[in-house]
Structures are given as structure tokens and as C-alpha cells.
N, C-alpha and C. Protein backbone atom coordinates (compact mmCIF):
# COMPACT_ATOMS: atom_id res chain seq x y z
N MET A 1 99.26 114.81 105.86
CA MET A 1 97.64 114.80 105.98
C MET A 1 97.07 114.09 107.15
N THR A 2 95.70 114.88 107.74
CA THR A 2 94.96 113.99 108.12
C THR A 2 93.62 113.76 108.05
N SER A 3 93.26 113.93 106.88
CA SER A 3 91.78 113.28 106.33
C SER A 3 92.08 112.41 105.83
N ASP A 4 90.82 111.35 106.36
CA ASP A 4 90.78 110.31 106.59
C ASP A 4 90.67 109.55 104.70
N ALA A 5 90.37 110.59 104.21
CA ALA A 5 90.25 110.43 102.41
C ALA A 5 90.60 111.52 101.46
N ILE A 6 91.59 111.53 100.71
CA ILE A 6 91.94 112.37 99.95
C ILE A 6 91.66 112.18 98.29
N ALA A 7 91.31 113.05 97.68
CA ALA A 7 91.24 112.68 96.27
C ALA A 7 92.08 114.13 94.98
N THR A 8 92.19 113.44 94.16
CA THR A 8 93.03 114.22 93.36
C THR A 8 92.83 114.16 91.82
N VAL A 9 93.22 115.08 91.00
CA VAL A 9 93.00 115.39 89.35
C VAL A 9 93.94 115.82 88.83
N ALA A 10 94.64 115.48 87.70
CA ALA A 10 95.84 116.04 87.07
C ALA A 10 95.97 115.64 85.75
N THR A 11 96.74 116.44 84.54
CA THR A 11 97.20 115.82 83.40
C THR A 11 98.14 114.83 83.92
N SER A 12 98.22 114.24 82.78
CA SER A 12 99.25 113.10 83.25
C SER A 12 100.40 113.73 82.90
N ALA A 13 100.96 114.76 81.98
CA ALA A 13 102.05 115.54 81.88
C ALA A 13 102.27 115.92 83.31
N ASP A 14 101.69 116.65 84.18
CA ASP A 14 101.78 117.21 85.31
C ASP A 14 102.23 116.15 86.36
N VAL A 15 101.36 114.95 86.32
CA VAL A 15 101.72 113.97 87.18
C VAL A 15 103.59 113.54 87.04
N LEU A 16 103.61 113.69 85.86
CA LEU A 16 104.84 112.99 85.61
C LEU A 16 106.22 113.82 85.60
N ARG A 17 105.54 115.18 85.66
CA ARG A 17 106.83 115.95 86.22
C ARG A 17 106.69 116.41 87.72
N HIS A 18 105.92 115.72 88.32
CA HIS A 18 105.95 115.95 89.97
C HIS A 18 107.53 115.44 90.01
N PRO A 19 108.22 116.17 91.39
CA PRO A 19 109.23 115.92 91.74
C PRO A 19 109.56 114.30 92.33
N GLY A 20 108.31 113.74 93.14
CA GLY A 20 108.13 112.54 93.41
C GLY A 20 107.88 111.49 92.62
N ALA A 21 107.82 111.73 91.10
CA ALA A 21 107.16 110.69 90.13
C ALA A 21 108.31 109.97 89.38
N GLY A 22 107.76 109.30 88.64
CA GLY A 22 108.70 108.68 88.09
C GLY A 22 108.42 107.03 87.54
N GLU A 23 109.40 106.77 86.72
CA GLU A 23 108.70 104.94 86.24
C GLU A 23 109.41 104.15 87.00
N HIS A 24 110.40 104.85 87.54
CA HIS A 24 111.19 103.92 88.98
C HIS A 24 110.23 103.42 90.12
N LEU A 25 109.03 104.01 89.80
CA LEU A 25 108.19 103.52 91.35
C LEU A 25 107.30 102.49 90.87
N LEU A 26 107.07 102.30 89.55
CA LEU A 26 106.50 101.17 89.21
C LEU A 26 107.34 99.55 89.34
N THR A 27 106.16 98.66 89.79
CA THR A 27 106.17 97.34 89.91
C THR A 27 106.94 96.64 88.23
N ALA A 28 107.78 95.51 88.49
CA ALA A 28 108.06 94.94 87.06
C ALA A 28 106.32 94.71 86.48
N VAL A 29 105.89 94.20 87.05
CA VAL A 29 104.57 93.65 86.66
C VAL A 29 103.80 95.00 85.78
N GLU A 30 103.59 96.29 86.63
CA GLU A 30 103.24 97.25 85.72
C GLU A 30 104.26 98.05 84.72
N LYS A 31 105.37 98.03 84.70
CA LYS A 31 106.03 98.19 83.79
C LYS A 31 105.70 97.24 82.35
N GLU A 32 105.57 96.05 82.32
CA GLU A 32 105.17 95.30 81.65
C GLU A 32 103.97 95.56 80.85
N ARG A 33 102.79 95.88 81.90
CA ARG A 33 101.64 96.19 81.29
C ARG A 33 101.86 97.33 80.51
N ALA A 34 102.13 98.66 80.84
CA ALA A 34 102.69 99.65 80.29
C ALA A 34 103.16 99.63 79.17
N ALA A 35 104.34 98.61 78.76
CA ALA A 35 104.98 98.47 77.82
C ALA A 35 103.89 97.84 76.51
N ARG A 36 102.99 97.41 76.98
CA ARG A 36 101.54 96.44 76.03
C ARG A 36 100.83 97.66 75.34
N PHE A 37 100.65 98.84 75.79
CA PHE A 37 99.78 99.71 75.02
C PHE A 37 100.47 100.28 73.51
N ARG A 38 99.52 100.11 72.83
CA ARG A 38 99.91 100.44 71.33
C ARG A 38 100.29 101.94 71.05
N HIS A 39 100.24 102.63 71.82
CA HIS A 39 99.74 104.29 71.56
C HIS A 39 100.48 104.84 72.95
N GLU A 40 101.50 105.74 72.68
CA GLU A 40 102.27 106.39 73.57
C GLU A 40 101.39 107.16 74.37
N SER A 41 100.29 107.58 74.06
CA SER A 41 99.63 108.45 75.29
C SER A 41 98.88 107.63 76.05
N GLY A 42 98.30 106.29 75.68
CA GLY A 42 97.61 105.43 76.45
C GLY A 42 98.63 104.50 77.57
N ARG A 43 99.96 104.72 77.22
CA ARG A 43 101.04 104.49 78.04
C ARG A 43 101.26 105.59 79.11
N VAL A 44 101.46 106.63 78.61
CA VAL A 44 101.37 107.85 79.53
C VAL A 44 100.54 107.84 80.68
N ASP A 45 99.13 107.55 80.22
CA ASP A 45 98.08 107.83 81.07
C ASP A 45 98.20 106.71 82.28
N PHE A 46 98.36 105.63 81.74
CA PHE A 46 98.55 104.62 82.52
C PHE A 46 99.67 104.47 83.47
N ILE A 47 100.95 105.12 83.02
CA ILE A 47 101.86 105.24 84.03
C ILE A 47 101.69 106.51 85.12
N ALA A 48 100.83 107.57 84.37
CA ALA A 48 100.51 108.50 85.50
C ALA A 48 99.66 108.43 86.33
N ALA A 49 98.64 107.39 86.02
CA ALA A 49 97.27 107.30 86.96
C ALA A 49 98.24 106.06 88.28
N HIS A 50 99.22 105.41 88.09
CA HIS A 50 99.61 104.43 88.92
C HIS A 50 100.65 105.04 89.83
N VAL A 51 101.29 106.46 88.68
CA VAL A 51 102.18 107.31 89.81
C VAL A 51 101.29 108.19 90.76
N LEU A 52 100.12 108.99 90.26
CA LEU A 52 99.54 109.49 91.29
C LEU A 52 98.85 108.96 92.61
N VAL A 53 98.33 107.53 92.49
CA VAL A 53 97.69 106.88 93.27
C VAL A 53 98.78 106.94 94.34
N ARG A 54 99.78 106.47 93.92
CA ARG A 54 101.37 106.28 94.86
C ARG A 54 101.19 107.38 95.80
N LEU A 55 101.21 108.77 95.01
CA LEU A 55 101.72 110.04 95.67
C LEU A 55 100.24 110.35 96.45
N CYS A 56 99.28 109.78 96.29
CA CYS A 56 98.04 109.93 97.44
C CYS A 56 98.23 109.20 98.29
N ALA A 57 98.38 107.85 98.44
CA ALA A 57 98.75 107.17 99.54
C ALA A 57 99.77 107.21 100.14
N ALA A 58 101.23 108.11 99.65
CA ALA A 58 102.29 108.66 100.75
C ALA A 58 101.81 109.54 101.00
N ALA A 59 100.83 110.63 100.61
CA ALA A 59 100.94 111.71 101.27
C ALA A 59 100.02 111.02 102.69
N LEU A 60 98.86 110.41 102.44
CA LEU A 60 98.25 110.09 103.59
C LEU A 60 98.85 109.31 105.01
N LEU A 61 99.80 108.49 104.09
CA LEU A 61 100.48 107.89 105.12
C LEU A 61 101.95 108.40 105.60
N GLY A 62 102.36 109.76 105.01
CA GLY A 62 103.57 110.50 105.49
C GLY A 62 104.86 109.81 105.20
N VAL A 63 104.79 108.68 104.03
CA VAL A 63 106.12 108.50 103.47
C VAL A 63 106.42 108.88 102.21
N PRO A 64 107.55 108.52 101.97
CA PRO A 64 107.80 108.37 100.30
C PRO A 64 107.05 107.91 99.56
N ALA A 65 107.21 108.27 98.48
CA ALA A 65 106.14 107.75 97.44
C ALA A 65 106.63 106.00 96.72
N ASP A 66 107.91 106.16 97.15
CA ASP A 66 108.59 104.65 96.78
C ASP A 66 108.12 103.57 97.98
N ARG A 67 107.65 104.33 99.33
CA ARG A 67 107.15 103.42 100.19
C ARG A 67 105.74 102.70 99.93
N ALA A 68 105.11 103.27 98.94
CA ALA A 68 103.77 102.87 98.80
C ALA A 68 103.60 102.06 97.33
N VAL A 69 104.31 100.78 97.62
CA VAL A 69 104.26 99.78 96.54
C VAL A 69 102.52 99.34 96.24
N LEU A 70 102.46 99.50 94.99
CA LEU A 70 100.86 99.18 94.38
C LEU A 70 101.08 97.78 93.93
N ALA A 71 99.80 97.12 94.20
CA ALA A 71 99.56 95.95 93.51
C ALA A 71 97.90 95.62 93.06
N GLN A 72 97.34 94.88 92.27
CA GLN A 72 96.27 94.53 91.94
C GLN A 72 95.77 93.14 91.89
N HIS A 73 94.48 92.96 92.29
CA HIS A 73 94.13 91.59 92.26
C HIS A 73 92.61 91.49 91.51
N CYS A 74 92.44 90.48 90.60
CA CYS A 74 91.02 90.47 89.97
C CYS A 74 90.55 89.25 90.99
N PRO A 75 89.18 89.44 91.29
CA PRO A 75 88.53 88.17 92.16
C PRO A 75 88.14 87.13 91.39
N ASP A 76 87.91 87.73 90.14
CA ASP A 76 87.33 86.84 89.03
C ASP A 76 88.23 85.71 88.42
N CYS A 77 89.59 85.83 88.20
CA CYS A 77 90.34 85.19 87.28
C CYS A 77 91.68 84.73 88.35
N GLY A 78 91.66 85.69 89.67
CA GLY A 78 92.76 85.68 90.29
C GLY A 78 94.10 86.01 90.06
N LYS A 79 94.31 86.62 88.87
CA LYS A 79 95.55 86.76 88.38
C LYS A 79 95.99 88.64 89.04
N GLY A 80 97.01 88.79 88.77
CA GLY A 80 97.62 90.02 89.45
C GLY A 80 98.02 90.97 88.49
N ASP A 81 97.43 91.17 87.37
CA ASP A 81 98.06 92.22 86.69
C ASP A 81 96.65 93.21 86.31
N HIS A 82 95.75 93.30 86.91
CA HIS A 82 94.76 93.88 86.70
C HIS A 82 93.68 93.75 87.90
N GLY A 83 92.42 94.67 87.96
CA GLY A 83 91.48 94.33 89.22
C GLY A 83 92.07 95.40 90.19
N LYS A 84 91.63 95.47 91.22
CA LYS A 84 91.40 96.15 92.43
C LYS A 84 92.90 96.83 92.76
N PRO A 85 93.15 97.75 92.74
CA PRO A 85 94.45 98.09 93.32
C PRO A 85 94.61 98.43 94.66
N TYR A 86 95.60 97.94 95.29
CA TYR A 86 95.65 98.00 97.16
C TYR A 86 97.34 97.63 97.04
N LEU A 87 97.54 98.29 98.31
CA LEU A 87 98.72 98.63 99.04
C LEU A 87 99.40 97.19 99.92
N PRO A 88 100.02 96.17 99.19
CA PRO A 88 100.39 95.27 100.36
C PRO A 88 101.20 95.57 101.74
N ASP A 89 102.17 96.46 101.78
CA ASP A 89 102.40 96.78 102.59
C ASP A 89 101.73 97.69 103.72
N HIS A 90 100.73 98.13 103.29
CA HIS A 90 99.69 99.18 104.09
C HIS A 90 98.43 98.61 103.99
N PRO A 91 98.21 97.21 104.78
CA PRO A 91 96.80 97.09 104.47
C PRO A 91 95.56 98.15 104.74
N GLY A 92 96.19 98.90 105.89
CA GLY A 92 95.09 99.74 106.34
C GLY A 92 94.73 101.28 105.54
N ILE A 93 95.28 101.16 104.58
CA ILE A 93 94.94 102.15 103.19
C ILE A 93 94.20 101.66 102.19
N GLU A 94 93.27 102.32 101.87
CA GLU A 94 92.73 102.05 100.20
C GLU A 94 92.85 102.87 99.24
N VAL A 95 92.82 102.23 98.39
CA VAL A 95 93.18 103.39 97.03
C VAL A 95 92.64 103.04 96.06
N SER A 96 92.07 103.86 94.78
CA SER A 96 91.56 103.87 93.94
C SER A 96 92.08 104.99 92.78
N LEU A 97 92.15 104.64 91.47
CA LEU A 97 92.81 104.88 90.39
C LEU A 97 91.91 105.10 89.09
N SER A 98 92.05 106.41 88.30
CA SER A 98 91.16 106.09 87.21
C SER A 98 91.66 106.97 85.73
N HIS A 99 91.87 106.65 84.67
CA HIS A 99 92.67 107.48 83.65
C HIS A 99 91.55 107.60 82.59
N THR A 100 91.55 108.67 82.01
CA THR A 100 90.99 108.86 80.50
C THR A 100 92.35 109.76 79.69
N ARG A 101 91.86 110.21 78.70
CA ARG A 101 92.79 110.74 77.54
C ARG A 101 93.73 112.17 78.73
N GLY A 102 94.76 111.50 78.52
CA GLY A 102 95.40 113.20 78.96
C GLY A 102 95.21 113.58 80.74
N VAL A 103 94.20 113.07 81.25
CA VAL A 103 94.03 113.35 82.73
C VAL A 103 93.88 112.06 83.51
N VAL A 104 94.22 112.10 85.10
CA VAL A 104 94.38 111.01 85.56
C VAL A 104 93.64 111.72 86.63
N ALA A 105 92.87 110.49 87.75
CA ALA A 105 92.45 110.81 89.13
C ALA A 105 93.05 109.77 89.93
N ALA A 106 93.02 110.26 91.28
CA ALA A 106 93.59 108.87 92.14
C ALA A 106 92.75 109.36 93.80
N ALA A 107 92.79 108.44 94.57
CA ALA A 107 91.94 108.83 95.86
C ALA A 107 92.94 107.76 96.72
N ALA A 108 93.16 108.15 98.02
CA ALA A 108 93.57 107.05 99.20
C ALA A 108 92.44 107.42 100.42
N ALA A 109 92.65 106.40 101.21
CA ALA A 109 91.77 106.57 102.35
C ALA A 109 91.81 105.53 103.78
N HIS A 110 91.79 105.97 104.43
CA HIS A 110 91.47 104.89 105.79
C HIS A 110 90.30 103.74 105.84
N ARG A 111 89.69 104.23 104.72
CA ARG A 111 88.32 103.62 104.73
C ARG A 111 88.28 102.64 103.17
N PRO A 112 87.39 102.13 102.62
CA PRO A 112 87.02 102.12 100.99
C PRO A 112 86.73 103.02 100.41
N VAL A 113 87.22 103.16 99.15
CA VAL A 113 87.43 104.60 98.49
C VAL A 113 87.32 104.22 97.29
N GLY A 114 86.39 104.74 96.02
CA GLY A 114 86.56 104.96 94.49
C GLY A 114 86.69 106.21 93.94
N VAL A 115 87.19 106.42 93.04
CA VAL A 115 86.87 107.49 92.03
C VAL A 115 87.17 107.15 90.65
N ASP A 116 86.43 108.28 90.19
CA ASP A 116 86.62 108.04 88.53
C ASP A 116 86.81 109.40 87.97
N VAL A 117 87.04 109.71 86.87
CA VAL A 117 87.07 110.46 85.95
C VAL A 117 86.98 110.68 84.56
N GLU A 118 86.33 111.26 83.73
CA GLU A 118 86.10 111.34 82.40
C GLU A 118 86.13 112.85 81.51
N LEU A 119 86.72 113.06 80.51
CA LEU A 119 86.82 114.14 80.13
C LEU A 119 85.41 114.58 79.99
N THR A 120 84.92 116.11 80.16
CA THR A 120 83.40 116.66 79.79
C THR A 120 83.35 116.59 78.65
N GLY A 121 83.90 116.63 77.55
CA GLY A 121 83.81 116.55 76.02
C GLY A 121 83.25 115.37 75.64
N ARG A 122 83.52 114.12 76.46
CA ARG A 122 82.62 112.80 76.21
C ARG A 122 81.26 112.26 76.51
N GLY A 123 80.81 113.86 77.02
CA GLY A 123 79.24 113.49 77.58
C GLY A 123 78.70 113.24 76.54
N GLY A 124 78.30 113.82 75.43
CA GLY A 124 77.50 113.59 74.16
C GLY A 124 77.80 112.14 73.86
N THR A 125 78.96 111.65 73.70
CA THR A 125 79.21 110.44 73.47
C THR A 125 78.96 109.33 74.20
N LEU A 126 78.98 109.42 75.40
CA LEU A 126 78.49 108.48 76.47
C LEU A 126 77.02 108.28 76.53
N LEU A 127 76.22 109.76 76.27
CA LEU A 127 74.80 109.78 76.29
C LEU A 127 74.23 108.40 75.86
N ASP A 128 74.88 107.85 74.74
CA ASP A 128 74.15 106.86 74.19
C ASP A 128 73.82 105.69 74.74
N VAL A 129 74.54 105.51 75.80
CA VAL A 129 74.52 104.54 76.67
C VAL A 129 73.42 104.71 78.07
N ALA A 130 72.99 106.16 78.10
CA ALA A 130 72.22 106.29 79.22
C ALA A 130 70.82 105.20 79.27
N PRO A 131 70.26 105.07 78.29
CA PRO A 131 69.22 104.07 78.37
C PRO A 131 69.71 102.64 79.23
N ARG A 132 70.79 102.14 79.32
CA ARG A 132 70.96 100.76 79.86
C ARG A 132 71.87 101.18 80.85
N VAL A 133 72.21 102.24 81.75
CA VAL A 133 72.77 102.23 82.80
C VAL A 133 72.13 103.36 83.80
N LEU A 134 71.23 103.92 83.44
CA LEU A 134 70.26 104.70 84.45
C LEU A 134 69.13 103.97 84.92
N THR A 135 68.58 104.58 85.76
CA THR A 135 66.94 104.23 86.11
C THR A 135 65.95 105.25 85.61
N ALA A 136 64.74 104.58 85.23
CA ALA A 136 64.00 105.53 84.84
C ALA A 136 63.76 107.10 85.11
N GLU A 137 63.84 107.41 86.35
CA GLU A 137 63.62 108.34 87.07
C GLU A 137 65.26 109.31 86.70
N GLU A 138 66.31 108.56 86.90
CA GLU A 138 67.45 109.43 86.23
C GLU A 138 67.61 109.62 84.91
N LEU A 139 66.98 108.92 83.95
CA LEU A 139 66.72 109.16 82.58
C LEU A 139 65.72 110.29 82.15
N ARG A 140 65.01 110.59 82.93
CA ARG A 140 63.72 111.34 82.78
C ARG A 140 65.15 112.69 83.44
N ARG A 141 65.30 112.76 84.49
CA ARG A 141 65.92 113.96 84.98
C ARG A 141 67.03 114.38 83.81
N VAL A 142 67.66 113.30 83.34
CA VAL A 142 68.77 113.72 82.28
C VAL A 142 68.19 114.55 80.73
N ARG A 143 67.02 114.01 80.45
CA ARG A 143 66.56 114.37 79.15
C ARG A 143 65.65 115.75 79.31
N GLU A 144 65.42 116.06 80.53
CA GLU A 144 64.89 117.38 80.93
C GLU A 144 65.75 118.35 81.32
N HIS A 145 67.20 117.94 81.49
CA HIS A 145 68.00 118.95 81.89
C HIS A 145 68.71 119.94 80.98
N PRO A 146 68.82 121.08 81.30
CA PRO A 146 69.17 121.54 79.60
C PRO A 146 70.41 121.56 79.20
N ASP A 147 71.36 120.82 80.10
CA ASP A 147 72.29 120.28 79.44
C ASP A 147 72.60 118.82 79.41
N PRO A 148 71.71 117.67 78.50
CA PRO A 148 71.46 116.34 78.90
C PRO A 148 72.76 115.76 79.26
N ALA A 149 74.13 116.27 77.88
CA ALA A 149 75.16 115.60 78.16
C ALA A 149 75.98 115.84 79.32
N ARG A 150 75.96 117.05 80.42
CA ARG A 150 76.77 117.15 81.35
C ARG A 150 76.11 116.78 82.43
N ALA A 151 74.91 116.35 82.61
CA ALA A 151 73.93 115.86 83.12
C ALA A 151 74.45 114.27 83.23
N PHE A 152 74.47 113.54 82.36
CA PHE A 152 74.49 112.38 82.36
C PHE A 152 75.83 112.23 82.68
N LEU A 153 77.01 113.02 82.48
CA LEU A 153 78.20 112.67 82.71
C LEU A 153 78.57 112.73 84.14
N ARG A 154 77.76 113.75 84.99
CA ARG A 154 77.67 113.84 86.35
C ARG A 154 77.42 112.34 86.73
N LEU A 155 76.25 111.80 86.43
CA LEU A 155 75.84 110.65 86.79
C LEU A 155 76.78 109.37 86.53
N TRP A 156 77.62 109.55 85.34
CA TRP A 156 78.13 108.22 85.35
C TRP A 156 79.41 108.43 85.88
N VAL A 157 80.43 109.17 86.31
CA VAL A 157 81.31 109.27 87.29
C VAL A 157 80.91 109.20 88.55
N ARG A 158 79.80 109.58 88.86
CA ARG A 158 79.18 108.97 90.17
C ARG A 158 79.36 107.60 90.50
N LYS A 159 78.28 106.72 89.33
CA LYS A 159 78.40 105.30 89.35
C LYS A 159 79.53 104.28 89.02
N GLU A 160 80.65 104.99 88.14
CA GLU A 160 81.66 104.56 88.06
C GLU A 160 82.67 104.45 89.25
N ALA A 161 82.56 105.55 90.11
CA ALA A 161 83.21 105.30 91.41
C ALA A 161 82.68 104.87 92.43
N LEU A 162 81.15 104.14 92.11
CA LEU A 162 80.75 103.27 92.85
C LEU A 162 81.16 101.80 92.55
N ILE A 163 81.35 101.54 91.44
CA ILE A 163 81.79 100.40 90.76
C ILE A 163 83.37 100.32 91.34
N LYS A 164 83.89 101.22 91.66
CA LYS A 164 85.24 101.05 92.07
C LYS A 164 85.19 100.89 93.58
N ILE A 165 84.45 101.20 94.58
CA ILE A 165 84.51 100.71 96.01
C ILE A 165 83.31 99.73 95.91
N GLY A 166 83.03 99.13 95.16
CA GLY A 166 82.26 97.81 95.51
C GLY A 166 80.98 97.70 95.78
N ARG A 167 80.49 98.82 95.38
CA ARG A 167 78.49 99.14 95.79
C ARG A 167 77.94 98.59 94.56
N THR A 168 78.75 98.34 93.52
CA THR A 168 77.74 97.89 92.14
C THR A 168 78.85 97.31 91.11
N THR A 169 78.24 96.94 90.08
CA THR A 169 79.22 96.37 88.74
C THR A 169 78.75 97.23 87.85
N LEU A 170 79.57 96.72 86.79
CA LEU A 170 79.03 97.40 85.28
C LEU A 170 77.41 97.16 84.88
N ASP A 171 77.55 95.75 84.92
CA ASP A 171 76.31 95.07 84.81
C ASP A 171 74.87 95.66 85.62
N GLY A 172 75.54 95.99 86.82
CA GLY A 172 74.18 96.40 87.55
C GLY A 172 73.95 98.14 87.99
N LEU A 173 74.53 98.83 86.82
CA LEU A 173 74.27 100.48 87.31
C LEU A 173 72.78 100.96 86.93
N ALA A 174 72.30 99.86 86.14
CA ALA A 174 70.69 100.45 86.31
C ALA A 174 69.88 100.20 87.34
N GLY A 175 70.63 99.26 88.24
CA GLY A 175 69.87 99.08 89.64
C GLY A 175 70.48 99.88 90.81
N VAL A 176 71.34 101.13 90.27
CA VAL A 176 71.63 102.00 91.33
C VAL A 176 70.77 103.32 91.20
N ASP A 177 69.99 103.85 91.55
CA ASP A 177 69.33 105.19 91.82
C ASP A 177 69.87 106.39 92.31
N LEU A 178 70.28 107.46 91.55
CA LEU A 178 71.33 108.39 91.94
C LEU A 178 70.05 109.71 91.77
N SER A 179 69.21 109.07 91.58
CA SER A 179 67.95 110.35 91.01
C SER A 179 67.96 111.47 91.96
N GLY A 180 68.06 111.15 93.23
CA GLY A 180 68.01 112.12 94.59
C GLY A 180 68.83 113.07 94.65
N LEU A 181 69.95 112.78 93.81
CA LEU A 181 71.22 113.60 94.30
C LEU A 181 70.91 114.64 93.10
N PRO A 182 71.75 116.06 93.49
CA PRO A 182 71.75 117.34 92.37
C PRO A 182 72.69 116.88 91.03
N LEU A 183 72.09 117.57 90.29
CA LEU A 183 72.50 117.54 88.88
C LEU A 183 73.62 118.56 88.59
N ASP A 184 73.40 119.57 89.18
CA ASP A 184 74.55 120.91 88.88
C ASP A 184 75.05 120.91 90.47
N LEU A 185 76.27 121.95 89.93
CA LEU A 185 77.25 122.23 90.84
C LEU A 185 77.06 123.65 91.27
N PRO A 186 76.31 124.34 92.45
CA PRO A 186 76.35 125.65 92.67
C PRO A 186 77.56 126.30 92.80
N GLY A 187 77.95 127.03 91.60
CA GLY A 187 79.27 128.04 91.22
C GLY A 187 80.35 126.82 91.19
N GLY A 188 79.95 125.76 90.62
CA GLY A 188 81.03 125.01 90.18
C GLY A 188 81.69 124.25 91.36
N ARG A 189 81.54 124.87 92.45
CA ARG A 189 82.24 124.08 93.60
C ARG A 189 81.96 122.44 93.72
N PRO A 190 83.11 121.93 94.34
CA PRO A 190 82.71 120.20 94.77
C PRO A 190 81.45 120.21 95.38
N GLN A 191 80.96 119.27 95.27
CA GLN A 191 79.73 118.98 95.88
C GLN A 191 79.69 117.82 96.67
N LEU A 192 79.24 117.50 97.85
CA LEU A 192 79.24 116.59 98.88
C LEU A 192 78.05 116.03 98.86
N SER A 193 77.37 114.75 98.53
CA SER A 193 76.39 114.42 98.91
C SER A 193 76.14 112.85 99.27
N PRO A 194 75.42 112.44 100.50
CA PRO A 194 75.01 111.63 100.90
C PRO A 194 74.49 110.56 100.13
N PHE A 195 74.75 108.93 100.15
CA PHE A 195 74.07 108.04 99.77
C PHE A 195 74.61 106.51 99.92
N GLU A 196 73.46 106.17 100.64
CA GLU A 196 73.24 104.93 101.18
C GLU A 196 74.62 104.47 102.21
N GLY A 197 74.82 105.37 103.27
CA GLY A 197 75.82 105.19 104.08
C GLY A 197 77.17 105.85 103.39
N LEU A 198 77.10 106.23 102.41
CA LEU A 198 78.55 106.29 101.85
C LEU A 198 78.61 108.34 101.74
N GLN A 199 79.51 108.48 101.30
CA GLN A 199 79.89 110.43 101.25
C GLN A 199 80.42 110.49 99.98
N LEU A 200 79.56 111.01 98.82
CA LEU A 200 79.89 111.07 97.23
C LEU A 200 80.33 112.34 97.07
N LEU A 201 81.57 112.97 96.73
CA LEU A 201 82.19 114.12 96.47
C LEU A 201 82.32 114.40 94.87
N ASP A 202 81.77 115.05 94.11
CA ASP A 202 81.91 115.29 92.64
C ASP A 202 82.10 116.71 92.55
N TRP A 203 82.95 117.27 91.39
CA TRP A 203 83.19 118.20 91.20
C TRP A 203 83.62 118.30 89.51
N VAL A 204 83.66 119.50 88.73
CA VAL A 204 84.32 119.69 87.74
C VAL A 204 85.56 120.22 87.36
N ASP A 205 86.57 119.73 87.42
CA ASP A 205 87.74 120.27 87.03
C ASP A 205 87.74 121.55 85.82
N GLU A 206 87.64 122.36 85.61
CA GLU A 206 87.47 123.15 84.28
C GLU A 206 88.85 123.52 83.69
N ALA A 207 89.83 123.38 84.61
CA ALA A 207 90.83 123.63 84.15
C ALA A 207 91.45 122.48 83.59
N HIS A 208 91.45 121.34 83.43
CA HIS A 208 91.56 120.03 82.72
C HIS A 208 90.41 119.66 82.11
N GLY A 209 89.20 120.30 81.82
CA GLY A 209 88.40 119.54 81.14
C GLY A 209 87.91 118.41 81.65
N ALA A 210 87.46 118.23 82.58
CA ALA A 210 87.20 116.97 83.44
C ALA A 210 86.06 116.92 84.34
N ALA A 211 84.97 115.86 84.50
CA ALA A 211 84.30 115.78 85.38
C ALA A 211 84.64 114.76 86.82
N VAL A 212 84.50 114.79 87.73
CA VAL A 212 85.53 113.84 88.94
C VAL A 212 84.18 113.35 89.96
N ALA A 213 84.49 111.92 90.12
CA ALA A 213 83.76 111.89 91.18
C ALA A 213 84.42 110.64 92.42
N ALA A 214 84.49 110.85 93.61
CA ALA A 214 85.03 110.45 94.82
C ALA A 214 84.27 109.85 95.73
N VAL A 215 84.20 108.58 96.31
CA VAL A 215 83.19 108.19 97.32
C VAL A 215 83.79 107.25 98.25
N SER A 216 83.59 107.53 99.49
CA SER A 216 84.14 106.99 101.02
C SER A 216 82.84 106.66 101.89
N GLU A 217 83.42 106.12 102.91
CA GLU A 217 82.41 105.91 104.12
C GLU A 217 82.85 107.39 104.54
N VAL A 218 83.77 107.87 104.40
CA VAL A 218 84.16 109.56 105.32
C VAL A 218 84.13 110.23 103.86
N PRO A 219 83.70 111.78 104.64
CA PRO A 219 83.92 112.83 103.12
C PRO A 219 85.12 112.85 102.63
N PRO A 220 85.52 112.67 101.08
CA PRO A 220 86.70 112.74 100.58
C PRO A 220 86.97 114.42 100.87
N ARG A 221 88.24 114.66 100.48
CA ARG A 221 88.69 115.80 100.49
C ARG A 221 89.58 116.22 99.29
N VAL A 222 89.12 117.23 98.28
CA VAL A 222 90.26 117.47 97.18
C VAL A 222 91.51 117.95 97.59
N VAL A 223 92.38 117.86 96.94
CA VAL A 223 93.77 118.18 96.97
C VAL A 223 94.44 118.51 95.88
N GLU A 224 95.55 119.61 95.66
CA GLU A 224 95.97 119.53 94.32
C GLU A 224 97.37 118.45 94.56
N LEU A 225 97.70 118.75 93.11
CA LEU A 225 98.94 117.99 93.02
C LEU A 225 100.09 118.04 93.70
N GLY A 226 100.08 119.70 93.66
CA GLY A 226 101.41 120.53 94.34
C GLY A 226 101.46 119.99 95.73
N ALA A 227 100.16 119.69 96.28
CA ALA A 227 100.32 119.22 97.99
C ALA A 227 100.64 118.12 98.21
N LEU A 228 100.94 117.45 97.46
CA LEU A 228 101.18 115.90 97.46
C LEU A 228 102.64 115.67 97.56
């Protein structure tokens, strides 16, 4: 693939059925983390997200998925069992991953990249935190929208993607103003919006009931799982 930034979303089950997938791709650290999950569904989502991000990186690199070894690093505590994912053998490639109940997303790019996914059905639940993570103008637009839960979810995944790329933090979300970006997607198609030197692509994957956002310095391109 020649795109500088690619992103994809799929169900966890579909990822693990991919011919290039398998727990054999995981490192010992990832396997140990997966074993900590109390519920099988959480374990499966974790594995699927960590496999999918390898598939994205491998597609960008033009190598088999087992050549895209994944590691993580937490800048706060210095540990390597959580934190920002990266490819130690391919420092020129940036990656990001996200997972929710039964659905995972991943992105890879030659530039910094962030991705987030949430189930569209969670919008109503997440709406409770809106006053703490939105600016005053964002909150006004959400409250005036015909579907406030859906409008908030669009802002939420965008802001979470910005956290992944390092533009903000969870505590700083209310200081990031996305009120100038559209809240609706014409025809349901992926929409690309510029934001402070970044290119933010977001879309609703109706087949999987998920809202997704990917952000990079170059326009991300959505790819299907089958193309990886």
C-alpha cells in the first residue's frame, strides 16, 4: 500500500478469522496481559486489536504480519506492558489501536497517528460526561443537535484519537475545541476535517455499529480488513 496513513475497523471475531491472524503473533508480554482478563470477551478484544494493528503496519510496510513486532511504553512509569504502542524494528512507522465490546480499530502511518472506536449504542451513556470533556460551544451544539448522544459520540472519538496522537490528555479534553467541525456525515460517508495541522477522518461503520475517528498529519485512508 502506498498511502501514508491507513485505518480500519472490524469485529474482533472477523480479525481473528483473518488468514494472517493468530495469537502466535503476540509477544510474551501481550500474552501475559491477555491472560489477566477476567472475561473471555475482553481477552478476545485485546488480542484482536493487537493483531489488527500488526496487519495494518504489515500492509503499510509490505511485510508479513509476524515481522511487525509490537511493543508498548508508558512515559509516566516507564513500564512496557501498557502505554503508547510502537514497532521497535520499524521506527519509521507509527501505530495506534483501540477496542470496545466486540469491535476493534487500528491505524498505521509514516507519521504520528491516533485512532479510536466506540459502539454507537454507548452515546447515551457517555453523554453524562459531556460537561466535563466538552468546551462550552461544543456542549451547546450537542444539546441543540437532533440526536445529542450521536453528536457527542462523534466529538468523543475525535478527542480520544487526539489523545492517542499525543495532542491532548484525558484531563485536557475540555481545552480542545472541535466546535468548528461538522457533527453530521453527509450520506454517512467518511469525512475528512483539518484541525490545527492535523487531518481528522471520522466515520460511522453501520455494519459494526461503531463510530470511528483516525487522525494524522496526512489524510488517513479507510481500508477493509480483507485488503490487509
